[in-house]
Amino acid sequence: MHYILAITLGIFFFNSSVAADKLEVRDAWVREAPPNARAHAGYGVFKNRSKHSVTFISVRSPDYQKVELHLSEVQNGVATMRKMKSLTIPAGGEVKLMPGSLHLMLLNPVTGIKMGDKIKMMLVFLDGASQSFSAVVKRSNDLPKSHSHMGH
């Protein structure tokens, strides 16, 4: 009985790690904000290298009390922002988090966040797997023009 349980758990954990191993996080950064700001925005590129879609359902960071996925868009001439419950990246696909679009809202920093800091984050996937990455704090005017859109 213990042998069967061990095999079952081994298969579960092997399958859970497959999603995380197939996701590449590139160019992750957090926009610098005033020292007492309670919210920062995070961006980057998420590339799914697997043959199956990958869905992450939450993001965590020891540097913030809470991290949420948000979508900013303009509807009927009015800028809106809404919280997303998950993000699915299609097989072989790529999703860009950037100002004025999809982004991470990093809420209530635990300590002072300043330019050059590396923010640790962890994606939690629908299947229970997780993947860590880090994002560097930058000024938005230090980025190429294609990244300096209006937004967070």
N, C-alpha and C. Protein backbone atom coordinates (compact mmCIF):
# COMPACT_ATOMS: atom_id res chain seq x y z
N MET A 1 0.82 -1.19 0.00
CA MET A 1 0.00 0.00 0.00
C MET A 1 0.87 1.26 0.00
N HIS A 2 1.91 1.29 0.85
CA HIS A 2 2.80 2.46 0.90
C HIS A 2 3.53 2.63 -0.42
N TYR A 3 3.86 1.49 -1.07
CA TYR A 3 4.56 1.52 -2.34
C TYR A 3 3.68 2.17 -3.41
N ILE A 4 2.40 1.82 -3.45
CA ILE A 4 1.48 2.39 -4.44
C ILE A 4 1.30 3.88 -4.18
N LEU A 5 1.17 4.27 -2.93
CA LEU A 5 1.04 5.67 -2.58
C LEU A 5 2.28 6.46 -3.01
N ALA A 6 3.44 5.89 -2.77
CA ALA A 6 4.70 6.56 -3.15
C ALA A 6 4.78 6.73 -4.67
N ILE A 7 4.37 5.73 -5.43
CA ILE A 7 4.40 5.83 -6.89
C ILE A 7 3.40 6.88 -7.36
N THR A 8 2.19 6.86 -6.78
CA THR A 8 1.16 7.83 -7.14
C THR A 8 1.63 9.25 -6.85
N LEU A 9 2.19 9.48 -5.66
CA LEU A 9 2.69 10.81 -5.33
C LEU A 9 3.84 11.22 -6.24
N GLY A 10 4.71 10.27 -6.56
CA GLY A 10 5.83 10.55 -7.46
C GLY A 10 5.35 10.97 -8.83
N ILE A 11 4.34 10.29 -9.35
CA ILE A 11 3.78 10.66 -10.66
C ILE A 11 3.14 12.03 -10.59
N PHE A 12 2.39 12.31 -9.51
CA PHE A 12 1.74 13.61 -9.35
C PHE A 12 2.79 14.73 -9.33
N PHE A 13 3.82 14.58 -8.53
CA PHE A 13 4.82 15.64 -8.43
C PHE A 13 5.64 15.77 -9.70
N PHE A 14 5.87 14.66 -10.40
CA PHE A 14 6.59 14.73 -11.67
C PHE A 14 5.75 15.51 -12.68
N ASN A 15 4.46 15.18 -12.78
CA ASN A 15 3.58 15.87 -13.72
C ASN A 15 3.39 17.34 -13.34
N SER A 16 3.35 17.65 -12.06
CA SER A 16 3.17 19.03 -11.62
C SER A 16 4.36 19.90 -11.98
N SER A 17 5.53 19.33 -11.99
CA SER A 17 6.71 20.13 -12.28
C SER A 17 6.91 20.35 -13.77
N VAL A 18 6.20 19.57 -14.61
CA VAL A 18 6.36 19.71 -16.05
C VAL A 18 5.97 21.11 -16.50
N ALA A 19 4.85 21.65 -16.01
CA ALA A 19 4.40 22.97 -16.42
C ALA A 19 5.45 24.03 -16.09
N ALA A 20 6.00 23.98 -14.90
CA ALA A 20 6.96 24.99 -14.48
C ALA A 20 8.24 24.91 -15.30
N ASP A 21 8.67 23.72 -15.63
CA ASP A 21 9.92 23.56 -16.38
C ASP A 21 9.81 24.08 -17.81
N LYS A 22 8.62 24.24 -18.32
CA LYS A 22 8.43 24.65 -19.70
C LYS A 22 8.24 26.15 -19.87
N LEU A 23 8.14 26.90 -18.78
CA LEU A 23 7.88 28.33 -18.86
C LEU A 23 9.17 29.10 -18.68
N GLU A 24 9.44 29.98 -19.62
CA GLU A 24 10.62 30.85 -19.56
C GLU A 24 10.16 32.27 -19.23
N VAL A 25 10.78 32.87 -18.23
CA VAL A 25 10.47 34.26 -17.86
C VAL A 25 11.66 35.11 -18.28
N ARG A 26 11.38 36.12 -19.13
CA ARG A 26 12.44 36.99 -19.64
C ARG A 26 12.14 38.45 -19.34
N ASP A 27 13.19 39.23 -19.23
CA ASP A 27 13.08 40.69 -19.12
C ASP A 27 12.13 41.13 -18.00
N ALA A 28 12.12 40.41 -16.88
CA ALA A 28 11.24 40.77 -15.77
C ALA A 28 11.76 42.01 -15.05
N TRP A 29 10.88 42.98 -14.83
CA TRP A 29 11.27 44.20 -14.14
C TRP A 29 10.08 44.78 -13.38
N VAL A 30 10.39 45.58 -12.38
CA VAL A 30 9.40 46.27 -11.56
C VAL A 30 9.68 47.76 -11.69
N ARG A 31 8.62 48.52 -11.92
CA ARG A 31 8.78 49.97 -12.07
C ARG A 31 9.10 50.62 -10.73
N GLU A 32 10.16 51.42 -10.71
CA GLU A 32 10.52 52.17 -9.50
C GLU A 32 9.39 53.14 -9.15
N ALA A 33 9.13 53.29 -7.88
CA ALA A 33 8.08 54.19 -7.40
C ALA A 33 8.63 55.00 -6.24
N PRO A 34 7.91 56.05 -5.82
CA PRO A 34 8.37 56.83 -4.65
C PRO A 34 8.54 55.93 -3.43
N PRO A 35 9.42 56.30 -2.51
CA PRO A 35 9.75 55.45 -1.36
C PRO A 35 8.55 54.97 -0.54
N ASN A 36 7.51 55.78 -0.42
CA ASN A 36 6.38 55.36 0.41
C ASN A 36 5.20 54.83 -0.42
N ALA A 37 5.40 54.51 -1.68
CA ALA A 37 4.34 53.97 -2.53
C ALA A 37 3.91 52.61 -2.01
N ARG A 38 2.62 52.35 -2.02
CA ARG A 38 2.07 51.09 -1.53
C ARG A 38 1.83 50.09 -2.66
N ALA A 39 2.01 50.52 -3.91
CA ALA A 39 1.81 49.63 -5.05
C ALA A 39 2.88 49.88 -6.10
N HIS A 40 3.37 48.80 -6.65
CA HIS A 40 4.33 48.85 -7.75
C HIS A 40 3.77 47.98 -8.87
N ALA A 41 4.29 48.14 -10.06
CA ALA A 41 3.86 47.32 -11.19
C ALA A 41 5.04 46.51 -11.72
N GLY A 42 4.76 45.27 -12.10
CA GLY A 42 5.78 44.38 -12.62
C GLY A 42 5.46 43.92 -14.03
N TYR A 43 6.51 43.73 -14.82
CA TYR A 43 6.36 43.40 -16.23
C TYR A 43 7.36 42.31 -16.62
N GLY A 44 7.19 41.77 -17.81
CA GLY A 44 8.12 40.77 -18.32
C GLY A 44 7.46 39.96 -19.43
N VAL A 45 8.19 38.97 -19.90
CA VAL A 45 7.72 38.11 -20.97
C VAL A 45 7.66 36.68 -20.44
N PHE A 46 6.52 36.02 -20.65
CA PHE A 46 6.34 34.63 -20.24
C PHE A 46 6.18 33.80 -21.50
N LYS A 47 7.14 32.91 -21.73
CA LYS A 47 7.17 32.06 -22.93
C LYS A 47 6.92 30.62 -22.52
N ASN A 48 5.92 29.99 -23.13
CA ASN A 48 5.59 28.59 -22.87
C ASN A 48 6.30 27.73 -23.90
N ARG A 49 7.25 26.95 -23.45
CA ARG A 49 8.02 26.09 -24.37
C ARG A 49 7.43 24.69 -24.48
N SER A 50 6.31 24.44 -23.82
CA SER A 50 5.74 23.09 -23.84
C SER A 50 4.75 22.91 -25.00
N LYS A 51 4.25 21.71 -25.12
CA LYS A 51 3.26 21.37 -26.15
C LYS A 51 1.85 21.47 -25.60
N HIS A 52 1.71 21.98 -24.37
CA HIS A 52 0.41 22.12 -23.73
C HIS A 52 0.29 23.52 -23.15
N SER A 53 -0.93 24.02 -23.06
CA SER A 53 -1.11 25.33 -22.44
C SER A 53 -0.73 25.25 -20.96
N VAL A 54 -0.29 26.36 -20.41
CA VAL A 54 0.13 26.47 -19.02
C VAL A 54 -0.66 27.62 -18.40
N THR A 55 -1.25 27.37 -17.23
CA THR A 55 -2.04 28.40 -16.56
C THR A 55 -1.46 28.66 -15.18
N PHE A 56 -1.16 29.94 -14.90
CA PHE A 56 -0.81 30.24 -13.51
C PHE A 56 -1.96 30.99 -12.86
N ILE A 57 -2.19 30.64 -11.59
CA ILE A 57 -3.37 31.14 -10.88
C ILE A 57 -3.01 32.16 -9.80
N SER A 58 -1.75 32.27 -9.47
CA SER A 58 -1.34 33.29 -8.51
C SER A 58 0.14 33.57 -8.63
N VAL A 59 0.52 34.70 -8.07
CA VAL A 59 1.93 35.10 -7.98
C VAL A 59 2.17 35.52 -6.55
N ARG A 60 3.29 35.10 -6.01
CA ARG A 60 3.65 35.45 -4.63
C ARG A 60 5.03 36.08 -4.62
N SER A 61 5.25 36.87 -3.58
CA SER A 61 6.57 37.49 -3.39
C SER A 61 6.80 37.72 -1.91
N PRO A 62 7.98 37.33 -1.41
CA PRO A 62 8.29 37.64 0.00
C PRO A 62 8.51 39.13 0.22
N ASP A 63 8.65 39.89 -0.87
CA ASP A 63 8.91 41.32 -0.78
C ASP A 63 7.63 42.16 -0.71
N TYR A 64 6.47 41.53 -0.94
CA TYR A 64 5.18 42.24 -0.93
C TYR A 64 4.15 41.40 -0.18
N GLN A 65 3.19 42.09 0.42
CA GLN A 65 2.13 41.37 1.12
C GLN A 65 1.20 40.65 0.15
N LYS A 66 1.05 41.21 -1.06
CA LYS A 66 0.13 40.62 -2.03
C LYS A 66 0.57 40.95 -3.44
N VAL A 67 0.36 40.01 -4.37
CA VAL A 67 0.64 40.25 -5.78
C VAL A 67 -0.59 39.82 -6.57
N GLU A 68 -1.04 40.68 -7.48
CA GLU A 68 -2.21 40.39 -8.30
C GLU A 68 -1.86 40.59 -9.77
N LEU A 69 -2.55 39.86 -10.63
CA LEU A 69 -2.42 40.04 -12.08
C LEU A 69 -3.54 40.98 -12.51
N HIS A 70 -3.19 42.06 -13.21
CA HIS A 70 -4.18 43.05 -13.65
C HIS A 70 -4.08 43.26 -15.15
N LEU A 71 -5.20 43.69 -15.72
CA LEU A 71 -5.25 44.07 -17.13
C LEU A 71 -5.73 45.51 -17.21
N SER A 72 -4.91 46.36 -17.81
CA SER A 72 -5.30 47.75 -18.07
C SER A 72 -5.70 47.85 -19.53
N GLU A 73 -6.80 48.55 -19.78
CA GLU A 73 -7.22 48.75 -21.16
C GLU A 73 -8.10 49.98 -21.22
N VAL A 74 -8.30 50.48 -22.43
CA VAL A 74 -9.16 51.64 -22.64
C VAL A 74 -10.44 51.14 -23.30
N GLN A 75 -11.58 51.43 -22.65
CA GLN A 75 -12.88 51.05 -23.19
C GLN A 75 -13.73 52.30 -23.31
N ASN A 76 -14.20 52.58 -24.53
CA ASN A 76 -15.02 53.77 -24.78
C ASN A 76 -14.34 55.04 -24.29
N GLY A 77 -13.04 55.13 -24.49
CA GLY A 77 -12.28 56.31 -24.11
C GLY A 77 -11.95 56.42 -22.64
N VAL A 78 -12.29 55.41 -21.86
CA VAL A 78 -12.03 55.44 -20.42
C VAL A 78 -11.02 54.34 -20.06
N ALA A 79 -9.95 54.72 -19.38
CA ALA A 79 -8.94 53.75 -18.94
C ALA A 79 -9.52 52.94 -17.78
N THR A 80 -9.41 51.62 -17.87
CA THR A 80 -9.89 50.74 -16.81
C THR A 80 -8.78 49.76 -16.44
N MET A 81 -8.92 49.20 -15.24
CA MET A 81 -7.99 48.17 -14.81
C MET A 81 -8.80 47.15 -14.04
N ARG A 82 -8.60 45.87 -14.38
CA ARG A 82 -9.33 44.83 -13.66
C ARG A 82 -8.39 43.69 -13.28
N LYS A 83 -8.72 43.10 -12.15
CA LYS A 83 -7.95 41.98 -11.63
C LYS A 83 -8.30 40.72 -12.42
N MET A 84 -7.26 39.95 -12.78
CA MET A 84 -7.43 38.70 -13.51
C MET A 84 -7.25 37.54 -12.53
N LYS A 85 -8.06 36.50 -12.66
CA LYS A 85 -7.96 35.36 -11.76
C LYS A 85 -6.85 34.40 -12.16
N SER A 86 -6.49 34.39 -13.45
CA SER A 86 -5.45 33.48 -13.93
C SER A 86 -4.94 33.99 -15.27
N LEU A 87 -3.88 33.38 -15.72
CA LEU A 87 -3.33 33.69 -17.04
C LEU A 87 -2.93 32.38 -17.70
N THR A 88 -3.51 32.10 -18.86
CA THR A 88 -3.17 30.89 -19.61
C THR A 88 -2.28 31.28 -20.77
N ILE A 89 -1.18 30.58 -20.90
CA ILE A 89 -0.24 30.81 -21.99
C ILE A 89 -0.34 29.61 -22.90
N PRO A 90 -0.74 29.79 -24.15
CA PRO A 90 -0.93 28.65 -25.04
C PRO A 90 0.38 27.92 -25.34
N ALA A 91 0.25 26.67 -25.75
CA ALA A 91 1.42 25.87 -26.12
C ALA A 91 2.26 26.62 -27.14
N GLY A 92 3.55 26.76 -26.86
CA GLY A 92 4.46 27.46 -27.75
C GLY A 92 4.24 28.97 -27.80
N GLY A 93 3.31 29.48 -27.01
CA GLY A 93 2.95 30.89 -27.05
C GLY A 93 3.76 31.74 -26.09
N GLU A 94 3.49 33.03 -26.18
CA GLU A 94 4.21 34.01 -25.38
C GLU A 94 3.23 35.09 -24.95
N VAL A 95 3.33 35.54 -23.72
CA VAL A 95 2.51 36.64 -23.21
C VAL A 95 3.44 37.70 -22.66
N LYS A 96 3.22 38.94 -23.08
CA LYS A 96 4.03 40.05 -22.60
C LYS A 96 3.24 40.86 -21.59
N LEU A 97 3.82 41.04 -20.42
CA LEU A 97 3.27 41.94 -19.41
C LEU A 97 3.99 43.26 -19.59
N MET A 98 3.22 44.33 -19.88
CA MET A 98 3.85 45.61 -20.16
C MET A 98 2.93 46.75 -19.73
N PRO A 99 3.50 47.94 -19.57
CA PRO A 99 2.69 49.09 -19.16
C PRO A 99 1.50 49.29 -20.10
N GLY A 100 0.35 49.59 -19.50
CA GLY A 100 -0.85 49.84 -20.29
C GLY A 100 -1.56 48.57 -20.73
N SER A 101 -1.16 47.42 -20.22
CA SER A 101 -1.74 46.15 -20.63
C SER A 101 -1.74 45.20 -19.43
N LEU A 102 -1.43 43.94 -19.67
CA LEU A 102 -1.28 42.99 -18.57
C LEU A 102 -0.07 43.38 -17.73
N HIS A 103 -0.19 43.27 -16.40
CA HIS A 103 0.92 43.57 -15.51
C HIS A 103 0.66 42.95 -14.15
N LEU A 104 1.71 42.86 -13.36
CA LEU A 104 1.58 42.41 -11.98
C LEU A 104 1.45 43.63 -11.08
N MET A 105 0.47 43.62 -10.19
CA MET A 105 0.34 44.67 -9.18
C MET A 105 0.95 44.12 -7.90
N LEU A 106 2.02 44.72 -7.47
CA LEU A 106 2.73 44.31 -6.26
C LEU A 106 2.31 45.26 -5.15
N LEU A 107 1.58 44.73 -4.18
CA LEU A 107 0.93 45.58 -3.18
C LEU A 107 1.57 45.48 -1.81
N ASN A 108 1.73 46.63 -1.17
CA ASN A 108 2.24 46.75 0.19
C ASN A 108 3.62 46.10 0.37
N PRO A 109 4.67 46.78 -0.09
CA PRO A 109 6.02 46.25 0.08
C PRO A 109 6.35 46.01 1.55
N VAL A 110 7.05 44.92 1.80
CA VAL A 110 7.42 44.56 3.18
C VAL A 110 8.55 45.46 3.67
N THR A 111 9.46 45.82 2.78
CA THR A 111 10.56 46.74 3.11
C THR A 111 10.63 47.80 2.02
N GLY A 112 11.53 48.76 2.17
CA GLY A 112 11.72 49.77 1.14
C GLY A 112 12.25 49.14 -0.14
N ILE A 113 11.66 49.49 -1.24
CA ILE A 113 12.06 48.97 -2.56
C ILE A 113 12.73 50.11 -3.30
N LYS A 114 13.94 49.86 -3.81
CA LYS A 114 14.65 50.93 -4.52
C LYS A 114 15.24 50.41 -5.82
N MET A 115 15.63 51.33 -6.66
CA MET A 115 16.19 50.99 -7.96
C MET A 115 17.36 50.01 -7.79
N GLY A 116 17.37 49.00 -8.64
CA GLY A 116 18.43 48.00 -8.62
C GLY A 116 18.12 46.78 -7.78
N ASP A 117 17.11 46.88 -6.88
CA ASP A 117 16.73 45.71 -6.08
C ASP A 117 16.24 44.59 -6.99
N LYS A 118 16.46 43.37 -6.52
CA LYS A 118 15.93 42.20 -7.23
C LYS A 118 14.75 41.67 -6.42
N ILE A 119 13.58 41.68 -7.04
CA ILE A 119 12.36 41.25 -6.38
C ILE A 119 12.13 39.77 -6.69
N LYS A 120 12.04 38.96 -5.65
CA LYS A 120 11.78 37.53 -5.82
C LYS A 120 10.29 37.32 -5.98
N MET A 121 9.93 36.48 -6.96
CA MET A 121 8.53 36.15 -7.19
C MET A 121 8.39 34.66 -7.48
N MET A 122 7.18 34.16 -7.27
CA MET A 122 6.90 32.76 -7.56
C MET A 122 5.54 32.65 -8.23
N LEU A 123 5.53 32.03 -9.40
CA LEU A 123 4.28 31.73 -10.10
C LEU A 123 3.73 30.43 -9.54
N VAL A 124 2.43 30.36 -9.29
CA VAL A 124 1.78 29.13 -8.85
C VAL A 124 0.83 28.71 -9.95
N PHE A 125 1.03 27.50 -10.45
CA PHE A 125 0.27 27.00 -11.59
C PHE A 125 -1.00 26.26 -11.16
N LEU A 126 -1.91 26.13 -12.09
CA LEU A 126 -3.19 25.46 -11.87
C LEU A 126 -3.00 24.04 -11.35
N ASP A 127 -1.94 23.36 -11.79
CA ASP A 127 -1.70 21.97 -11.37
C ASP A 127 -0.97 21.86 -10.04
N GLY A 128 -0.71 23.00 -9.39
CA GLY A 128 -0.04 22.98 -8.08
C GLY A 128 1.47 23.20 -8.15
N ALA A 129 2.04 23.13 -9.33
CA ALA A 129 3.48 23.37 -9.48
C ALA A 129 3.77 24.86 -9.28
N SER A 130 5.03 25.19 -9.05
CA SER A 130 5.42 26.59 -8.91
C SER A 130 6.77 26.81 -9.58
N GLN A 131 7.05 28.05 -9.88
CA GLN A 131 8.31 28.42 -10.51
C GLN A 131 8.72 29.78 -10.00
N SER A 132 9.95 29.90 -9.55
CA SER A 132 10.48 31.17 -9.04
C SER A 132 11.21 31.93 -10.14
N PHE A 133 11.19 33.24 -10.01
CA PHE A 133 11.97 34.11 -10.88
C PHE A 133 12.21 35.41 -10.13
N SER A 134 13.05 36.26 -10.65
CA SER A 134 13.27 37.55 -10.02
C SER A 134 13.15 38.66 -11.07
N ALA A 135 12.81 39.84 -10.57
CA ALA A 135 12.63 41.01 -11.44
C ALA A 135 13.41 42.16 -10.83
N VAL A 136 14.11 42.89 -11.66
CA VAL A 136 14.93 44.00 -11.18
C VAL A 136 14.09 45.29 -11.18
N VAL A 137 14.29 46.13 -10.18
CA VAL A 137 13.59 47.42 -10.08
C VAL A 137 14.32 48.41 -10.97
N LYS A 138 13.56 49.04 -11.91
CA LYS A 138 14.12 50.00 -12.86
C LYS A 138 13.23 51.22 -12.95
N ARG A 139 13.82 52.31 -13.45
CA ARG A 139 13.03 53.49 -13.82
C ARG A 139 12.46 53.24 -15.20
N SER A 140 11.24 53.66 -15.44
CA SER A 140 10.65 53.42 -16.76
C SER A 140 11.37 54.21 -17.84
N ASN A 141 11.99 55.34 -17.52
CA ASN A 141 12.72 56.10 -18.53
C ASN A 141 14.09 55.49 -18.84
N ASP A 142 14.47 54.43 -18.11
CA ASP A 142 15.72 53.71 -18.40
C ASP A 142 15.48 52.59 -19.42
N LEU A 143 14.24 52.42 -19.86
CA LEU A 143 13.88 51.33 -20.76
C LEU A 143 13.81 51.83 -22.19
N PRO A 144 13.91 50.90 -23.16
CA PRO A 144 13.73 51.31 -24.56
C PRO A 144 12.35 51.95 -24.75
N LYS A 145 12.20 52.80 -25.74
CA LYS A 145 10.95 53.53 -25.98
C LYS A 145 9.74 52.59 -26.09
N SER A 146 9.90 51.39 -26.61
CA SER A 146 8.78 50.46 -26.77
C SER A 146 8.19 50.03 -25.44
N HIS A 147 8.92 50.21 -24.34
CA HIS A 147 8.43 49.81 -23.01
C HIS A 147 7.85 50.97 -22.22
N SER A 148 8.05 52.19 -22.67
CA SER A 148 7.67 53.32 -21.83
C SER A 148 6.29 53.86 -22.20
N HIS A 149 5.29 52.98 -22.28
CA HIS A 149 3.92 53.37 -22.54
C HIS A 149 3.31 53.99 -21.30
N MET A 150 2.21 54.69 -21.51
CA MET A 150 1.48 55.22 -20.36
C MET A 150 0.88 54.05 -19.60
N GLY A 151 0.80 54.11 -18.32
CA GLY A 151 0.26 53.04 -17.50
C GLY A 151 0.85 53.11 -16.12
N HIS A 152 1.01 51.99 -15.50
CA HIS A 152 1.55 51.95 -14.13
C HIS A 152 3.01 52.28 -14.12
